[in-house]
């Protein structure tokens, strides 16, 4: 896990000129108000559930009660990939 510090701002979405861009991918600025932990590597739903359901020694990285039951989206056929 790596910690994303806060506060911070970044852009999400796709530029209007990007090939194969979907109409729902408008760019917008996102603000991070609090730090959070994220995996630096792809993980399975089983690994995620283990992390979510195992109490941490560090309360700063304990998953919140709003954590979803699974990571992958219904109908997903491949993991998301980072670009850039």
C-alpha atoms as a PDB file:
ATOM      1  CA  UNK A   1       0.000   0.000   0.000  1.00  0.00           C
ATOM      2  CA  UNK A   2       1.095   3.545  -0.665  1.00  0.00           C
ATOM      3  CA  UNK A   3      -0.374   6.600   0.999  1.00  0.00           C
ATOM      4  CA  UNK A   4      -1.730   9.415  -1.171  1.00  0.00           C
ATOM      5  CA  UNK A   5      -1.145  12.596   0.846  1.00  0.00           C
ATOM      6  CA  UNK A   6      -3.634  15.381   1.320  1.00  0.00           C
ATOM      7  CA  UNK A   7      -4.530  18.015   0.535  1.00  0.00           C
ATOM      8  CA  UNK A   8      -4.057  17.609  -3.186  1.00  0.00           C
ATOM      9  CA  UNK A   9      -5.682  18.328  -6.541  1.00  0.00           C
ATOM     10  CA  UNK A  10      -5.536  16.575  -9.894  1.00  0.00           C
ATOM     11  CA  UNK A  11      -7.474  16.235 -13.137  1.00  0.00           C
ATOM     12  CA  UNK A  12      -9.602  13.195 -14.019  1.00  0.00           C
ATOM     13  CA  UNK A  13     -11.281  12.405 -17.317  1.00  0.00           C
ATOM     14  CA  UNK A  14     -10.066  12.660 -20.900  1.00  0.00           C
ATOM     15  CA  UNK A  15      -9.156  15.664 -23.037  1.00  0.00           C
ATOM     16  CA  UNK A  16     -11.755  16.377 -25.716  1.00  0.00           C
ATOM     17  CA  UNK A  17      -9.239  15.578 -28.482  1.00  0.00           C
ATOM     18  CA  UNK A  18      -8.293  12.110 -27.135  1.00  0.00           C
ATOM     19  CA  UNK A  19      -9.035   9.276 -29.613  1.00  0.00           C
ATOM     20  CA  UNK A  20     -11.810   6.867 -28.559  1.00  0.00           C
ATOM     21  CA  UNK A  21     -12.932   9.278 -25.830  1.00  0.00           C
ATOM     22  CA  UNK A  22     -16.416   8.618 -24.477  1.00  0.00           C
ATOM     23  CA  UNK A  23     -18.791  11.583 -24.119  1.00  0.00           C
ATOM     24  CA  UNK A  24     -19.044  10.884 -20.360  1.00  0.00           C
ATOM     25  CA  UNK A  25     -15.298  11.431 -19.822  1.00  0.00           C
ATOM     26  CA  UNK A  26     -15.248  15.211 -19.368  1.00  0.00           C
ATOM     27  CA  UNK A  27     -12.198  16.482 -17.522  1.00  0.00           C
ATOM     28  CA  UNK A  28     -12.677  17.956 -14.076  1.00  0.00           C
ATOM     29  CA  UNK A  29     -10.516  18.805 -11.102  1.00  0.00           C
ATOM     30  CA  UNK A  30     -10.702  16.541  -8.063  1.00  0.00           C
ATOM     31  CA  UNK A  31      -9.602  17.609  -4.579  1.00  0.00           C
ATOM     32  CA  UNK A  32      -8.295  15.124  -2.018  1.00  0.00           C
ATOM     33  CA  UNK A  33      -9.219  16.357   1.457  1.00  0.00           C
ATOM     34  CA  UNK A  34      -7.729  13.499   3.463  1.00  0.00           C
ATOM     35  CA  UNK A  35      -4.904  10.984   2.931  1.00  0.00           C
ATOM     36  CA  UNK A  36      -5.774   7.457   1.833  1.00  0.00           C
ATOM     37  CA  UNK A  37      -3.933   4.212   1.094  1.00  0.00           C
ATOM     38  CA  UNK A  38      -4.025   2.466  -2.272  1.00  0.00           C
ATOM     39  CA  UNK A  39      -2.333  -0.646  -3.579  1.00  0.00           C
ATOM     40  CA  UNK A  40       0.714  -0.047  -5.748  1.00  0.00           C
ATOM     41  CA  UNK A  41      -0.054  -3.320  -7.581  1.00  0.00           C
ATOM     42  CA  UNK A  42      -3.075  -5.073  -9.045  1.00  0.00           C
ATOM     43  CA  UNK A  43      -4.885  -7.179  -6.475  1.00  0.00           C
ATOM     44  CA  UNK A  44      -7.681  -9.717  -6.649  1.00  0.00           C
ATOM     45  CA  UNK A  45     -11.114  -9.283  -5.084  1.00  0.00           C
ATOM     46  CA  UNK A  46     -10.094 -11.979  -2.575  1.00  0.00           C
ATOM     47  CA  UNK A  47      -6.949 -10.053  -1.549  1.00  0.00           C
ATOM     48  CA  UNK A  48      -8.992  -6.857  -1.234  1.00  0.00           C
ATOM     49  CA  UNK A  49     -11.636  -8.507   0.971  1.00  0.00           C
ATOM     50  CA  UNK A  50      -8.850  -9.881   3.200  1.00  0.00           C
ATOM     51  CA  UNK A  51      -7.432  -6.354   3.603  1.00  0.00           C
ATOM     52  CA  UNK A  52     -10.892  -4.872   4.163  1.00  0.00           C
ATOM     53  CA  UNK A  53     -11.901  -7.469   6.760  1.00  0.00           C
ATOM     54  CA  UNK A  54      -8.615  -7.722   8.713  1.00  0.00           C
ATOM     55  CA  UNK A  55      -8.169  -5.131  11.475  1.00  0.00           C
ATOM     56  CA  UNK A  56      -5.025  -3.048  11.023  1.00  0.00           C
ATOM     57  CA  UNK A  57      -2.507  -2.199  13.700  1.00  0.00           C
ATOM     58  CA  UNK A  58      -2.495   1.319  12.267  1.00  0.00           C
ATOM     59  CA  UNK A  59      -5.911   3.054  12.472  1.00  0.00           C
ATOM     60  CA  UNK A  60      -4.803   5.449   9.717  1.00  0.00           C
ATOM     61  CA  UNK A  61      -5.085   2.631   7.153  1.00  0.00           C
ATOM     62  CA  UNK A  62      -8.146   0.843   8.481  1.00  0.00           C
ATOM     63  CA  UNK A  63     -10.784   0.562   5.729  1.00  0.00           C
ATOM     64  CA  UNK A  64     -13.939   2.551   6.285  1.00  0.00           C
ATOM     65  CA  UNK A  65     -17.363   0.963   6.623  1.00  0.00           C
ATOM     66  CA  UNK A  66     -18.213   2.277   3.129  1.00  0.00           C
ATOM     67  CA  UNK A  67     -15.699  -0.019   1.399  1.00  0.00           C
ATOM     68  CA  UNK A  68     -17.397  -1.921  -1.423  1.00  0.00           C
ATOM     69  CA  UNK A  69     -17.757  -5.701  -1.396  1.00  0.00           C
ATOM     70  CA  UNK A  70     -15.600  -6.081  -4.510  1.00  0.00           C
ATOM     71  CA  UNK A  71     -13.177  -4.093  -6.609  1.00  0.00           C
ATOM     72  CA  UNK A  72     -14.019  -5.072 -10.143  1.00  0.00           C
ATOM     73  CA  UNK A  73     -17.017  -3.671 -11.935  1.00  0.00           C
ATOM     74  CA  UNK A  74     -19.743  -6.025 -13.126  1.00  0.00           C
ATOM     75  CA  UNK A  75     -18.995  -6.859 -16.744  1.00  0.00           C
ATOM     76  CA  UNK A  76     -15.321  -5.898 -16.503  1.00  0.00           C
ATOM     77  CA  UNK A  77     -13.199  -8.052 -18.776  1.00  0.00           C
ATOM     78  CA  UNK A  78      -9.722  -6.775 -17.875  1.00  0.00           C
ATOM     79  CA  UNK A  79      -8.024  -4.744 -15.150  1.00  0.00           C
ATOM     80  CA  UNK A  80      -7.713  -0.991 -15.555  1.00  0.00           C
ATOM     81  CA  UNK A  81      -4.301   0.201 -16.675  1.00  0.00           C
ATOM     82  CA  UNK A  82      -2.453   3.398 -15.913  1.00  0.00           C
ATOM     83  CA  UNK A  83      -1.138   5.536 -18.726  1.00  0.00           C
ATOM     84  CA  UNK A  84       1.281   8.390 -18.874  1.00  0.00           C
END
